[in-house]
Amino acid sequence: MLWSNQLLEEDAKLADLTLGACEKGGHWALIPDKLQIETKDKSFTDSIAELKSEYVQADVISFSAALLLHAVKHRQDPRLYSTTYGWCQDPRIGTELQKLESEALYGGGGPRALYAGAFDAFGLSVDGEGPGVVTSNQGCTAVWNFAT
């Protein structure tokens, strides 16, 4: 997987915490080819609330893997989410891991939620931002909810 240089170089502990917190088992992750319009221009929490019932929020590993696999398979038009970012399900939210991240990595700063996207010629961006941030090219990642 391609991680942004910032996440690897400046936030190595955050990258380790995130990978350690992700589920170890495999699962299907079928994502739509673009962000749902209802989730765009909203904060982390508000964008999750706007997901349609047939979707659940994707975790960062599943979402990133789907983008990379699509690029390998579709070489003519390889990049989904090339101009947008998606808020990813973040297993650190509300946990001791998030508290540790805020204290150790950001000098006591606020929590950060993960987002991924902007998959362009430079690679795939995976980073964290305050969950209250609202950006016009950001929404909620989605994965098909096979339970419905």
Protein backbone atom coordinates (compact mmCIF):
# COMPACT_ATOMS: atom_id res chain seq x y z
CA MET A 1 0.00 0.00 0.00
CA LEU A 2 1.15 3.55 -0.64
CA TRP A 3 1.08 5.82 2.37
CA SER A 4 1.66 9.54 2.10
CA ASN A 5 5.18 10.65 2.94
CA GLN A 6 3.83 12.77 5.78
CA LEU A 7 2.15 9.79 7.44
CA LEU A 8 5.29 7.69 7.11
CA GLU A 9 7.96 10.24 7.92
CA GLU A 10 6.32 12.65 10.33
CA ASP A 11 3.65 10.41 11.87
CA ALA A 12 5.24 6.96 11.94
CA LYS A 13 3.63 6.22 15.31
CA LEU A 14 0.23 7.13 13.91
CA ALA A 15 0.77 4.79 10.97
CA ASP A 16 1.75 1.98 13.34
CA LEU A 17 -1.28 2.61 15.57
CA THR A 18 -3.62 2.60 12.58
CA LEU A 19 -2.26 -0.61 11.10
CA GLY A 20 -2.33 -2.27 14.52
CA ALA A 21 -5.94 -1.24 15.12
CA CYS A 22 -7.27 -2.54 11.77
CA GLU A 23 -8.95 -5.91 11.64
CA LYS A 24 -6.68 -8.86 10.91
CA GLY A 25 -9.24 -10.94 8.97
CA GLY A 26 -10.06 -10.66 5.30
CA HIS A 27 -13.39 -9.45 3.91
CA TRP A 28 -15.03 -8.23 0.73
CA ALA A 29 -14.89 -4.49 0.08
CA LEU A 30 -16.93 -3.35 -2.92
CA ILE A 31 -16.74 0.44 -3.16
CA PRO A 32 -18.65 2.84 -5.44
CA ASP A 33 -16.63 4.60 -8.15
CA LYS A 34 -17.09 8.04 -6.53
CA LEU A 35 -18.08 9.62 -3.24
CA GLN A 36 -21.80 9.77 -2.56
CA ILE A 37 -22.86 13.36 -3.20
CA GLU A 38 -24.90 13.43 0.04
CA THR A 39 -21.73 12.92 2.10
CA LYS A 40 -19.67 15.70 0.48
CA ASP A 41 -19.00 19.05 2.14
CA LYS A 42 -19.64 17.58 5.60
CA SER A 43 -17.62 16.83 8.70
CA PHE A 44 -16.55 13.30 9.61
CA THR A 45 -19.65 12.61 11.76
CA ASP A 46 -22.12 14.37 9.47
CA SER A 47 -20.82 12.58 6.37
CA ILE A 48 -21.26 9.17 8.04
CA ALA A 49 -24.86 10.09 8.91
CA GLU A 50 -25.58 10.74 5.22
CA LEU A 51 -24.55 7.29 3.97
CA LYS A 52 -27.35 5.44 2.23
CA SER A 53 -28.51 2.29 4.01
CA GLU A 54 -26.92 -0.02 1.46
CA TYR A 55 -23.44 1.27 2.43
CA VAL A 56 -21.31 1.38 5.54
CA GLN A 57 -18.20 3.47 6.05
CA ALA A 58 -15.07 1.80 4.64
CA ASP A 59 -11.96 1.34 6.73
CA VAL A 60 -8.74 2.87 5.42
CA ILE A 61 -7.11 -0.46 4.53
CA SER A 62 -10.11 -1.76 2.52
CA PHE A 63 -10.64 1.56 0.76
CA SER A 64 -6.98 2.00 -0.16
CA ALA A 65 -6.66 -1.61 -1.31
CA ALA A 66 -9.70 -1.24 -3.58
CA LEU A 67 -8.25 1.93 -5.16
CA LEU A 68 -4.90 0.26 -5.76
CA LEU A 69 -6.40 -2.94 -7.17
CA HIS A 70 -8.61 -0.91 -9.52
CA ALA A 71 -5.53 0.95 -10.77
CA VAL A 72 -3.72 -2.32 -11.49
CA LYS A 73 -6.69 -3.78 -13.36
CA HIS A 74 -7.71 -0.66 -15.33
CA ARG A 75 -4.51 0.76 -16.73
CA GLN A 76 -6.28 2.98 -19.32
CA ASP A 77 -8.27 4.89 -16.66
CA PRO A 78 -6.61 3.76 -13.46
CA ARG A 79 -7.42 6.30 -10.80
CA LEU A 80 -10.64 6.40 -8.83
CA TYR A 81 -10.96 9.27 -6.34
CA SER A 82 -8.20 11.26 -8.04
CA THR A 83 -9.58 14.63 -6.91
CA THR A 84 -11.51 13.66 -3.78
CA TYR A 85 -10.81 12.31 -0.31
CA GLY A 86 -12.97 10.03 1.79
CA TRP A 87 -13.32 9.97 5.55
CA CYS A 88 -12.47 6.41 6.56
CA GLN A 89 -13.77 4.31 9.41
CA ASP A 90 -11.18 4.82 12.09
CA PRO A 91 -10.92 2.17 14.82
CA ARG A 92 -8.94 4.64 16.94
CA ILE A 93 -11.84 7.08 17.38
CA GLY A 94 -12.87 7.15 21.03
CA THR A 95 -10.22 4.66 22.12
CA GLU A 96 -7.06 4.77 24.18
CA LEU A 97 -5.14 4.64 20.88
CA GLN A 98 -6.64 7.96 19.85
CA LYS A 99 -5.81 9.52 23.22
CA LEU A 100 -2.24 8.29 22.90
CA GLU A 101 -2.03 9.67 19.35
CA SER A 102 -3.28 13.11 20.41
CA GLU A 103 -0.93 13.38 23.35
CA ALA A 104 2.19 11.82 21.83
CA LEU A 105 2.04 12.94 18.23
CA TYR A 106 0.32 16.29 18.23
CA GLY A 107 1.54 17.83 21.48
CA GLY A 108 -1.83 17.44 23.14
CA GLY A 109 -3.71 18.55 20.04
CA GLY A 110 -7.17 17.34 19.13
CA PRO A 111 -8.04 13.97 17.67
CA ARG A 112 -7.54 13.29 13.99
CA ALA A 113 -9.76 11.18 11.75
CA LEU A 114 -8.28 9.29 8.82
CA TYR A 115 -9.02 10.08 5.20
CA ALA A 116 -7.73 8.65 1.93
CA GLY A 117 -7.91 9.63 -1.72
CA ALA A 118 -6.39 12.07 -4.20
CA PHE A 119 -4.97 9.05 -5.98
CA ASP A 120 -2.98 10.73 -8.74
CA ALA A 121 0.39 10.33 -10.45
CA PHE A 122 2.14 10.98 -7.13
CA GLY A 123 0.34 8.12 -5.37
CA LEU A 124 -2.41 7.68 -2.83
CA SER A 125 -2.75 10.11 0.05
CA VAL A 126 -3.61 8.69 3.47
CA ASP A 127 -3.60 11.20 6.29
CA GLY A 128 -5.47 12.49 9.32
CA GLU A 129 -7.43 15.67 9.94
CA GLY A 130 -9.61 17.09 12.68
CA PRO A 131 -13.01 15.37 12.41
CA GLY A 132 -14.79 18.73 12.38
CA VAL A 133 -13.05 19.93 9.22
CA VAL A 134 -15.31 20.47 6.20
CA THR A 135 -13.74 20.45 2.71
CA SER A 136 -15.56 20.63 -0.62
CA ASN A 137 -13.66 17.67 -2.11
CA GLN A 138 -14.13 15.40 0.91
CA GLY A 139 -16.94 13.03 1.88
CA CYS A 140 -17.45 9.64 3.44
CA THR A 141 -15.91 6.49 2.05
CA ALA A 142 -18.41 3.73 1.47
CA VAL A 143 -18.37 -0.01 1.08
CA TRP A 144 -21.33 -2.12 0.05
CA ASN A 145 -23.16 -3.44 3.09
CA PHE A 146 -23.57 -7.15 2.30
CA ALA A 147 -25.72 -7.62 5.42
CA THR A 148 -28.72 -5.77 3.92
